[in-house]
Amino acid sequence: MESNDKIIITVSGSDKVGIVAKVATLLADNKVNIEDIKQTLMQGHFVMFMLCSISQSDKTLKELQTVLKEECNKMDMEVWVQRKEIFDNMHSIS
């Protein structure tokens, strides 16, 4: 599978019931496969990282970004969606 098919999704905000369920359902509805997920809660602040494959999705990355931002805005959460290769390059030590 090409690295262009891999994305990193980061969701952040105040903890509340249903964050993981809503994001996971939205991804499943758009044929995005969650390959790895990490989440943590620090003093009421929720942070989740997801490694996903968009190879089966009929949506472009831009369309997925829009859909996720709309849903996360409804939950008063912030979301960042980027290609894994860009994420890796931004977080590598030279």
N, C-alpha and C. Protein backbone atom coordinates (compact mmCIF):
# COMPACT_ATOMS: atom_id res chain seq x y z
N MET A 1 0.84 -1.18 0.00
CA MET A 1 0.00 0.00 0.00
C MET A 1 0.88 1.24 0.00
N GLU A 2 0.55 2.21 -0.80
CA GLU A 2 1.35 3.41 -0.90
C GLU A 2 1.19 4.29 0.33
N SER A 3 2.26 5.03 0.65
CA SER A 3 2.22 5.91 1.81
C SER A 3 1.21 7.04 1.62
N ASN A 4 0.86 7.39 0.39
CA ASN A 4 -0.15 8.42 0.15
C ASN A 4 -1.52 8.00 0.65
N ASP A 5 -1.71 6.71 0.88
CA ASP A 5 -2.98 6.20 1.38
C ASP A 5 -3.08 6.30 2.89
N LYS A 6 -1.99 6.66 3.56
CA LYS A 6 -1.97 6.72 5.02
C LYS A 6 -2.13 8.16 5.49
N ILE A 7 -2.99 8.34 6.48
CA ILE A 7 -3.18 9.66 7.07
C ILE A 7 -3.08 9.58 8.59
N ILE A 8 -2.75 10.70 9.19
CA ILE A 8 -2.75 10.84 10.64
C ILE A 8 -3.86 11.82 11.00
N ILE A 9 -4.70 11.41 11.93
CA ILE A 9 -5.78 12.27 12.42
C ILE A 9 -5.50 12.54 13.90
N THR A 10 -5.52 13.81 14.28
CA THR A 10 -5.35 14.19 15.68
C THR A 10 -6.60 14.94 16.10
N VAL A 11 -7.19 14.51 17.22
CA VAL A 11 -8.39 15.14 17.77
C VAL A 11 -8.05 15.60 19.18
N SER A 12 -8.43 16.82 19.52
CA SER A 12 -8.07 17.38 20.81
C SER A 12 -9.18 18.28 21.34
N GLY A 13 -9.38 18.25 22.66
CA GLY A 13 -10.36 19.13 23.28
C GLY A 13 -10.77 18.62 24.64
N SER A 14 -11.78 19.25 25.23
CA SER A 14 -12.28 18.81 26.53
C SER A 14 -12.93 17.44 26.41
N ASP A 15 -12.66 16.60 27.39
CA ASP A 15 -13.19 15.23 27.35
C ASP A 15 -14.71 15.23 27.48
N LYS A 16 -15.34 14.35 26.71
CA LYS A 16 -16.79 14.16 26.80
C LYS A 16 -17.12 12.78 26.24
N VAL A 17 -18.27 12.29 26.55
CA VAL A 17 -18.71 10.98 26.10
C VAL A 17 -18.91 10.97 24.59
N GLY A 18 -18.41 9.93 23.92
CA GLY A 18 -18.73 9.69 22.53
C GLY A 18 -17.75 10.18 21.49
N ILE A 19 -16.63 10.77 21.90
CA ILE A 19 -15.68 11.30 20.92
C ILE A 19 -15.17 10.19 20.01
N VAL A 20 -14.63 9.14 20.59
CA VAL A 20 -14.06 8.05 19.80
C VAL A 20 -15.14 7.41 18.92
N ALA A 21 -16.30 7.18 19.49
CA ALA A 21 -17.40 6.54 18.75
C ALA A 21 -17.82 7.38 17.55
N LYS A 22 -17.97 8.68 17.73
CA LYS A 22 -18.41 9.54 16.63
C LYS A 22 -17.37 9.62 15.52
N VAL A 23 -16.11 9.79 15.90
CA VAL A 23 -15.06 9.87 14.88
C VAL A 23 -14.91 8.54 14.16
N ALA A 24 -14.92 7.43 14.90
CA ALA A 24 -14.78 6.11 14.29
C ALA A 24 -15.95 5.79 13.35
N THR A 25 -17.15 6.15 13.74
CA THR A 25 -18.33 5.93 12.90
C THR A 25 -18.24 6.75 11.62
N LEU A 26 -17.84 8.00 11.75
CA LEU A 26 -17.68 8.87 10.58
C LEU A 26 -16.65 8.29 9.62
N LEU A 27 -15.52 7.80 10.16
CA LEU A 27 -14.50 7.20 9.32
C LEU A 27 -15.02 5.94 8.63
N ALA A 28 -15.71 5.09 9.38
CA ALA A 28 -16.26 3.86 8.80
C ALA A 28 -17.27 4.18 7.70
N ASP A 29 -18.10 5.18 7.92
CA ASP A 29 -19.09 5.58 6.91
C ASP A 29 -18.42 6.05 5.62
N ASN A 30 -17.18 6.53 5.72
CA ASN A 30 -16.44 7.01 4.57
C ASN A 30 -15.36 6.03 4.11
N LYS A 31 -15.48 4.78 4.57
CA LYS A 31 -14.58 3.68 4.17
C LYS A 31 -13.11 3.97 4.47
N VAL A 32 -12.88 4.61 5.61
CA VAL A 32 -11.53 4.86 6.10
C VAL A 32 -11.23 3.82 7.17
N ASN A 33 -10.11 3.11 7.01
CA ASN A 33 -9.74 2.06 7.95
C ASN A 33 -8.81 2.60 9.03
N ILE A 34 -9.18 2.41 10.29
CA ILE A 34 -8.32 2.79 11.42
C ILE A 34 -7.32 1.67 11.63
N GLU A 35 -6.03 1.96 11.45
CA GLU A 35 -4.99 0.96 11.60
C GLU A 35 -4.34 0.99 12.98
N ASP A 36 -4.34 2.14 13.61
CA ASP A 36 -3.78 2.27 14.96
C ASP A 36 -4.44 3.48 15.61
N ILE A 37 -4.60 3.39 16.92
CA ILE A 37 -5.23 4.49 17.65
C ILE A 37 -4.61 4.59 19.04
N LYS A 38 -4.32 5.80 19.43
CA LYS A 38 -3.79 6.09 20.77
C LYS A 38 -4.59 7.27 21.30
N GLN A 39 -4.91 7.21 22.55
CA GLN A 39 -5.60 8.33 23.17
C GLN A 39 -5.14 8.49 24.60
N THR A 40 -5.27 9.70 25.09
CA THR A 40 -4.91 9.97 26.48
C THR A 40 -5.81 11.07 27.01
N LEU A 41 -5.89 11.12 28.32
CA LEU A 41 -6.66 12.15 29.00
C LEU A 41 -5.75 12.76 30.06
N MET A 42 -5.53 14.07 29.95
CA MET A 42 -4.67 14.76 30.91
C MET A 42 -5.46 15.91 31.51
N GLN A 43 -5.81 15.76 32.78
CA GLN A 43 -6.55 16.79 33.52
C GLN A 43 -7.78 17.28 32.75
N GLY A 44 -8.54 16.33 32.22
CA GLY A 44 -9.77 16.66 31.52
C GLY A 44 -9.60 17.02 30.05
N HIS A 45 -8.35 17.02 29.56
CA HIS A 45 -8.09 17.34 28.15
C HIS A 45 -7.85 16.04 27.39
N PHE A 46 -8.68 15.80 26.39
CA PHE A 46 -8.64 14.57 25.59
C PHE A 46 -7.78 14.79 24.35
N VAL A 47 -6.89 13.83 24.06
CA VAL A 47 -6.08 13.87 22.84
C VAL A 47 -6.10 12.47 22.24
N MET A 48 -6.35 12.38 20.93
CA MET A 48 -6.39 11.10 20.23
C MET A 48 -5.60 11.22 18.93
N PHE A 49 -4.78 10.21 18.67
CA PHE A 49 -4.04 10.10 17.42
C PHE A 49 -4.51 8.84 16.71
N MET A 50 -4.77 8.94 15.42
CA MET A 50 -5.20 7.78 14.65
C MET A 50 -4.36 7.68 13.38
N LEU A 51 -3.88 6.47 13.10
CA LEU A 51 -3.24 6.18 11.82
C LEU A 51 -4.30 5.46 10.99
N CYS A 52 -4.61 6.00 9.83
CA CYS A 52 -5.70 5.46 9.01
C CYS A 52 -5.25 5.25 7.57
N SER A 53 -5.96 4.36 6.91
CA SER A 53 -5.77 4.16 5.47
C SER A 53 -7.01 4.67 4.75
N ILE A 54 -6.78 5.46 3.70
CA ILE A 54 -7.89 5.98 2.90
C ILE A 54 -7.96 5.30 1.53
N SER A 55 -7.28 4.17 1.39
CA SER A 55 -7.21 3.50 0.09
C SER A 55 -8.57 3.01 -0.40
N GLN A 56 -9.50 2.73 0.50
CA GLN A 56 -10.83 2.25 0.10
C GLN A 56 -11.87 3.35 0.01
N SER A 57 -11.52 4.54 0.48
CA SER A 57 -12.47 5.65 0.53
C SER A 57 -12.69 6.24 -0.86
N ASP A 58 -13.92 6.67 -1.10
CA ASP A 58 -14.21 7.35 -2.37
C ASP A 58 -14.09 8.87 -2.20
N LYS A 59 -13.66 9.32 -1.03
CA LYS A 59 -13.47 10.73 -0.75
C LYS A 59 -12.00 11.11 -0.90
N THR A 60 -11.75 12.33 -1.30
CA THR A 60 -10.38 12.85 -1.35
C THR A 60 -9.96 13.23 0.08
N LEU A 61 -8.68 13.45 0.25
CA LEU A 61 -8.19 13.88 1.56
C LEU A 61 -8.87 15.19 1.96
N LYS A 62 -8.99 16.11 1.03
CA LYS A 62 -9.63 17.41 1.31
C LYS A 62 -11.08 17.22 1.76
N GLU A 63 -11.80 16.34 1.09
CA GLU A 63 -13.20 16.08 1.48
C GLU A 63 -13.28 15.47 2.87
N LEU A 64 -12.38 14.54 3.17
CA LEU A 64 -12.35 13.93 4.50
C LEU A 64 -12.02 14.97 5.58
N GLN A 65 -11.08 15.86 5.27
CA GLN A 65 -10.74 16.92 6.21
C GLN A 65 -11.98 17.76 6.53
N THR A 66 -12.73 18.11 5.51
CA THR A 66 -13.92 18.93 5.69
C THR A 66 -14.97 18.22 6.54
N VAL A 67 -15.23 16.96 6.23
CA VAL A 67 -16.22 16.17 6.98
C VAL A 67 -15.81 16.04 8.44
N LEU A 68 -14.54 15.74 8.68
CA LEU A 68 -14.06 15.59 10.06
C LEU A 68 -14.10 16.91 10.82
N LYS A 69 -13.73 17.99 10.17
CA LYS A 69 -13.77 19.30 10.84
C LYS A 69 -15.20 19.67 11.21
N GLU A 70 -16.14 19.41 10.32
CA GLU A 70 -17.54 19.72 10.61
C GLU A 70 -18.03 18.94 11.82
N GLU A 71 -17.73 17.64 11.86
CA GLU A 71 -18.19 16.81 12.97
C GLU A 71 -17.50 17.19 14.27
N CYS A 72 -16.20 17.44 14.21
CA CYS A 72 -15.48 17.80 15.43
C CYS A 72 -15.90 19.17 15.94
N ASN A 73 -16.24 20.10 15.05
CA ASN A 73 -16.75 21.40 15.47
C ASN A 73 -18.04 21.23 16.28
N LYS A 74 -18.90 20.30 15.86
CA LYS A 74 -20.15 20.03 16.59
C LYS A 74 -19.87 19.56 18.01
N MET A 75 -18.73 18.87 18.20
CA MET A 75 -18.35 18.37 19.53
C MET A 75 -17.46 19.35 20.27
N ASP A 76 -17.22 20.51 19.68
CA ASP A 76 -16.31 21.52 20.23
C ASP A 76 -14.89 20.96 20.42
N MET A 77 -14.45 20.21 19.39
CA MET A 77 -13.12 19.61 19.39
C MET A 77 -12.33 20.16 18.20
N GLU A 78 -11.01 20.13 18.32
CA GLU A 78 -10.15 20.49 17.20
C GLU A 78 -9.67 19.22 16.52
N VAL A 79 -9.48 19.29 15.21
CA VAL A 79 -9.00 18.11 14.47
C VAL A 79 -7.99 18.56 13.43
N TRP A 80 -6.96 17.75 13.26
CA TRP A 80 -5.96 17.94 12.23
C TRP A 80 -5.88 16.65 11.44
N VAL A 81 -5.89 16.76 10.12
CA VAL A 81 -5.81 15.59 9.24
C VAL A 81 -4.70 15.87 8.23
N GLN A 82 -3.71 14.96 8.18
CA GLN A 82 -2.62 15.16 7.23
C GLN A 82 -2.07 13.82 6.77
N ARG A 83 -1.44 13.85 5.64
CA ARG A 83 -0.81 12.64 5.12
C ARG A 83 0.30 12.20 6.07
N LYS A 84 0.43 10.90 6.25
CA LYS A 84 1.42 10.36 7.17
C LYS A 84 2.84 10.80 6.81
N GLU A 85 3.15 10.82 5.53
CA GLU A 85 4.51 11.19 5.12
C GLU A 85 4.82 12.63 5.51
N ILE A 86 3.86 13.52 5.44
CA ILE A 86 4.07 14.91 5.86
C ILE A 86 4.23 14.98 7.37
N PHE A 87 3.37 14.25 8.10
CA PHE A 87 3.46 14.19 9.55
C PHE A 87 4.84 13.68 9.98
N ASP A 88 5.30 12.60 9.35
CA ASP A 88 6.60 12.02 9.68
C ASP A 88 7.73 13.03 9.44
N ASN A 89 7.66 13.74 8.31
CA ASN A 89 8.70 14.72 7.99
C ASN A 89 8.70 15.89 8.97
N MET A 90 7.53 16.29 9.43
CA MET A 90 7.44 17.39 10.37
C MET A 90 7.98 17.02 11.75
N HIS A 91 7.93 15.72 12.06
CA HIS A 91 8.31 15.28 13.40
C HIS A 91 9.61 14.48 13.43
N SER A 92 10.40 14.56 12.37
CA SER A 92 11.69 13.85 12.37
C SER A 92 12.79 14.82 12.77
N ILE A 93 13.79 14.26 13.40
CA ILE A 93 14.94 15.04 13.83
C ILE A 93 16.01 14.96 12.74
N SER A 94 16.47 16.09 12.28
CA SER A 94 17.47 16.13 11.22
C SER A 94 18.86 15.89 11.75
